[in-house]
PDB file of N, CA and C in Angstrom:
ATOM      1  N   UNK A   1       0.762  -1.249   0.000  1.00  0.00           N
ATOM      2  CA  UNK A   1       0.204  -0.184   0.171  1.00  0.00           C
ATOM      3  C   UNK A   1       0.754   1.831   0.021  1.00  0.00           C
ATOM      4  N   UNK A   2       1.944   0.741   0.607  1.00  0.00           N
ATOM      5  CA  UNK A   2       3.051   2.965   1.020  1.00  0.00           C
ATOM      6  C   UNK A   2       3.373   2.314  -0.713  1.00  0.00           C
ATOM      7  N   UNK A   3       3.583   1.836  -1.118  1.00  0.00           N
ATOM      8  CA  UNK A   3       4.171   2.160  -2.194  1.00  0.00           C
ATOM      9  C   UNK A   3       3.437   2.955  -3.244  1.00  0.00           C
ATOM     10  N   UNK A   4       2.408   1.760  -3.746  1.00  0.00           N
ATOM     11  CA  UNK A   4       0.897   3.629  -4.630  1.00  0.00           C
ATOM     12  C   UNK A   4       0.464   4.611  -3.823  1.00  0.00           C
ATOM     13  N   UNK A   5       0.870   4.640  -2.662  1.00  0.00           N
ATOM     14  CA  UNK A   5       0.104   6.694  -2.091  1.00  0.00           C
ATOM     15  C   UNK A   5       1.620   6.653  -2.395  1.00  0.00           C
ATOM     16  N   UNK A   6       2.516   6.700  -1.968  1.00  0.00           N
ATOM     17  CA  UNK A   6       3.565   7.293  -1.756  1.00  0.00           C
ATOM     18  C   UNK A   6       3.357   8.388  -3.445  1.00  0.00           C
ATOM     19  N   UNK A   7       3.345   7.741  -4.968  1.00  0.00           N
ATOM     20  CA  UNK A   7       3.143   8.705  -5.570  1.00  0.00           C
ATOM     21  C   UNK A   7       2.779  10.140  -6.007  1.00  0.00           C
ATOM     22  N   UNK A   8       0.911   9.620  -5.635  1.00  0.00           N
ATOM     23  CA  UNK A   8       0.383  10.682  -4.805  1.00  0.00           C
ATOM     24  C   UNK A   8       0.731  11.957  -4.374  1.00  0.00           C
ATOM     25  N   UNK A   9       2.025  11.507  -3.455  1.00  0.00           N
ATOM     26  CA  UNK A   9       2.387  12.939  -2.606  1.00  0.00           C
ATOM     27  C   UNK A   9       2.887  13.950  -2.845  1.00  0.00           C
ATOM     28  N   UNK A  10       4.284  13.167  -3.989  1.00  0.00           N
ATOM     29  CA  UNK A  10       4.891  13.981  -4.732  1.00  0.00           C
ATOM     30  C   UNK A  10       4.177  14.738  -5.525  1.00  0.00           C
ATOM     31  N   UNK A  11       2.955  14.323  -6.267  1.00  0.00           N
ATOM     32  CA  UNK A  11       2.459  14.930  -7.571  1.00  0.00           C
ATOM     33  C   UNK A  11       1.630  16.702  -6.970  1.00  0.00           C
ATOM     34  N   UNK A  12       0.857  17.297  -5.896  1.00  0.00           N
ATOM     35  CA  UNK A  12       0.494  17.765  -6.189  1.00  0.00           C
ATOM     36  C   UNK A  12       1.717  18.620  -5.372  1.00  0.00           C
ATOM     37  N   UNK A  13       2.792  18.093  -4.968  1.00  0.00           N
ATOM     38  CA  UNK A  13       4.489  19.255  -4.428  1.00  0.00           C
ATOM     39  C   UNK A  13       4.462  19.271  -5.750  1.00  0.00           C
ATOM     40  N   UNK A  14       4.796  18.808  -7.303  1.00  0.00           N
ATOM     41  CA  UNK A  14       5.742  19.243  -8.800  1.00  0.00           C
ATOM     42  C   UNK A  14       4.211  20.484  -8.267  1.00  0.00           C
ATOM     43  N   UNK A  15       2.905  20.528  -8.715  1.00  0.00           N
ATOM     44  CA  UNK A  15       2.651  21.385  -8.943  1.00  0.00           C
ATOM     45  C   UNK A  15       2.277  22.253  -8.338  1.00  0.00           C
ATOM     46  N   UNK A  16       2.193  22.146  -7.119  1.00  0.00           N
ATOM     47  CA  UNK A  16       3.122  23.360  -6.293  1.00  0.00           C
ATOM     48  C   UNK A  16       4.611  24.394  -6.748  1.00  0.00           C
ATOM     49  N   UNK A  17       5.513  23.456  -7.339  1.00  0.00           N
ATOM     50  CA  UNK A  17       6.347  23.927  -7.156  1.00  0.00           C
ATOM     51  C   UNK A  17       7.407  24.979  -8.765  1.00  0.00           C
ATOM     52  N   UNK A  18       5.922  24.272  -9.743  1.00  0.00           N
ATOM     53  CA  UNK A  18       6.224  24.539 -10.736  1.00  0.00           C
ATOM     54  C   UNK A  18       5.086  26.181 -11.559  1.00  0.00           C
ATOM     55  N   UNK A  19       4.320  26.754  -9.749  1.00  0.00           N
ATOM     56  CA  UNK A  19       3.043  27.544 -10.541  1.00  0.00           C
ATOM     57  C   UNK A  19       4.642  28.341  -9.995  1.00  0.00           C
ATOM     58  N   UNK A  20       4.810  28.655  -9.196  1.00  0.00           N
ATOM     59  CA  UNK A  20       5.983  29.101  -8.641  1.00  0.00           C
ATOM     60  C   UNK A  20       7.296  29.682  -9.106  1.00  0.00           C
ATOM     61  N   UNK A  21       7.485  28.766 -10.164  1.00  0.00           N
ATOM     62  CA  UNK A  21       8.758  28.261 -11.303  1.00  0.00           C
ATOM     63  C   UNK A  21       8.363  29.885 -12.573  1.00  0.00           C
ATOM     64  N   UNK A  22       7.219  29.307 -12.851  1.00  0.00           N
ATOM     65  CA  UNK A  22       6.139  29.941 -13.228  1.00  0.00           C
ATOM     66  C   UNK A  22       6.509  32.037 -13.515  1.00  0.00           C
ATOM     67  N   UNK A  23       6.016  31.758 -12.441  1.00  0.00           N
ATOM     68  CA  UNK A  23       5.948  33.714 -12.351  1.00  0.00           C
ATOM     69  C   UNK A  23       7.198  33.936 -11.713  1.00  0.00           C
ATOM     70  N   UNK A  24       7.856  33.405 -11.754  1.00  0.00           N
ATOM     71  CA  UNK A  24       8.669  33.181 -10.877  1.00  0.00           C
ATOM     72  C   UNK A  24       9.996  33.830 -12.738  1.00  0.00           C
ATOM     73  N   UNK A  25       9.952  32.544 -13.186  1.00  0.00           N
ATOM     74  CA  UNK A  25      10.331  33.439 -14.882  1.00  0.00           C
ATOM     75  C   UNK A  25       9.599  34.267 -15.595  1.00  0.00           C
ATOM     76  N   UNK A  26       8.131  34.771 -16.091  1.00  0.00           N
ATOM     77  CA  UNK A  26       7.839  35.925 -15.428  1.00  0.00           C
ATOM     78  C   UNK A  26       8.951  36.898 -15.428  1.00  0.00           C
ATOM     79  N   UNK A  27       8.139  37.198 -14.350  1.00  0.00           N
ATOM     80  CA  UNK A  27       9.287  38.008 -13.240  1.00  0.00           C
ATOM     81  C   UNK A  27      10.459  38.229 -13.166  1.00  0.00           C
ATOM     82  N   UNK A  28      11.556  37.327 -13.535  1.00  0.00           N
ATOM     83  CA  UNK A  28      12.196  37.647 -14.446  1.00  0.00           C
ATOM     84  C   UNK A  28      12.654  38.146 -15.508  1.00  0.00           C
ATOM     85  N   UNK A  29      12.030  38.286 -16.723  1.00  0.00           N
ATOM     86  CA  UNK A  29      11.461  38.461 -18.163  1.00  0.00           C
ATOM     87  C   UNK A  29      11.249  40.159 -18.094  1.00  0.00           C
ATOM     88  N   UNK A  30      10.209  40.394 -17.305  1.00  0.00           N
ATOM     89  CA  UNK A  30       9.686  41.965 -16.742  1.00  0.00           C
ATOM     90  C   UNK A  30      10.625  42.878 -15.937  1.00  0.00           C
ATOM     91  N   UNK A  31      11.305  41.969 -15.456  1.00  0.00           N
ATOM     92  CA  UNK A  31      12.246  43.187 -14.252  1.00  0.00           C
ATOM     93  C   UNK A  31      13.946  43.033 -15.735  1.00  0.00           C
ATOM     94  N   UNK A  32      14.436  42.361 -16.606  1.00  0.00           N
ATOM     95  CA  UNK A  32      15.279  41.664 -17.396  1.00  0.00           C
ATOM     96  C   UNK A  32      14.322  42.820 -18.819  1.00  0.00           C
ATOM     97  N   UNK A  33      12.717  43.693 -19.050  1.00  0.00           N
ATOM     98  CA  UNK A  33      12.558  44.096 -19.741  1.00  0.00           C
ATOM     99  C   UNK A  33      13.078  45.448 -19.416  1.00  0.00           C
ATOM    100  N   UNK A  34      12.830  46.037 -17.893  1.00  0.00           N
ATOM    101  CA  UNK A  34      13.002  46.750 -17.165  1.00  0.00           C
ATOM    102  C   UNK A  34      13.962  47.781 -17.391  1.00  0.00           C
ATOM    103  N   UNK A  35      15.105  45.993 -17.296  1.00  0.00           N
ATOM    104  CA  UNK A  35      16.674  47.129 -17.460  1.00  0.00           C
ATOM    105  C   UNK A  35      16.911  47.069 -18.250  1.00  0.00           C
ATOM    106  N   UNK A  36      16.751  46.504 -19.429  1.00  0.00           N
ATOM    107  CA  UNK A  36      16.940  46.356 -20.660  1.00  0.00           C
ATOM    108  C   UNK A  36      16.835  48.453 -21.239  1.00  0.00           C
ATOM    109  N   UNK A  37      15.078  48.363 -20.573  1.00  0.00           N
ATOM    110  CA  UNK A  37      14.451  49.701 -21.266  1.00  0.00           C
ATOM    111  C   UNK A  37      15.272  50.861 -20.730  1.00  0.00           C
ATOM    112  N   UNK A  38      15.657  50.868 -19.307  1.00  0.00           N
ATOM    113  CA  UNK A  38      16.809  52.151 -18.783  1.00  0.00           C
ATOM    114  C   UNK A  38      17.498  52.560 -19.177  1.00  0.00           C
ATOM    115  N   UNK A  39      18.417  51.212 -20.158  1.00  0.00           N
ATOM    116  CA  UNK A  39      19.929  51.314 -19.828  1.00  0.00           C
ATOM    117  C   UNK A  39      19.705  52.015 -21.284  1.00  0.00           C
ATOM    118  N   UNK A  40      18.971  51.234 -22.293  1.00  0.00           N
ATOM    119  CA  UNK A  40      18.921  51.824 -23.836  1.00  0.00           C
ATOM    120  C   UNK A  40      18.283  54.074 -23.452  1.00  0.00           C
TER     121      UNK A  40
END
């Protein structure tokens, strides 16, 4: 039973980690665009 229940636990965690990763990537892109706009 333990083996079958184990895969259920990482699934939600992986989704939670992917969402912030996308947000951080988007924020980095925006900050980079602002940085380039300020320099140019």
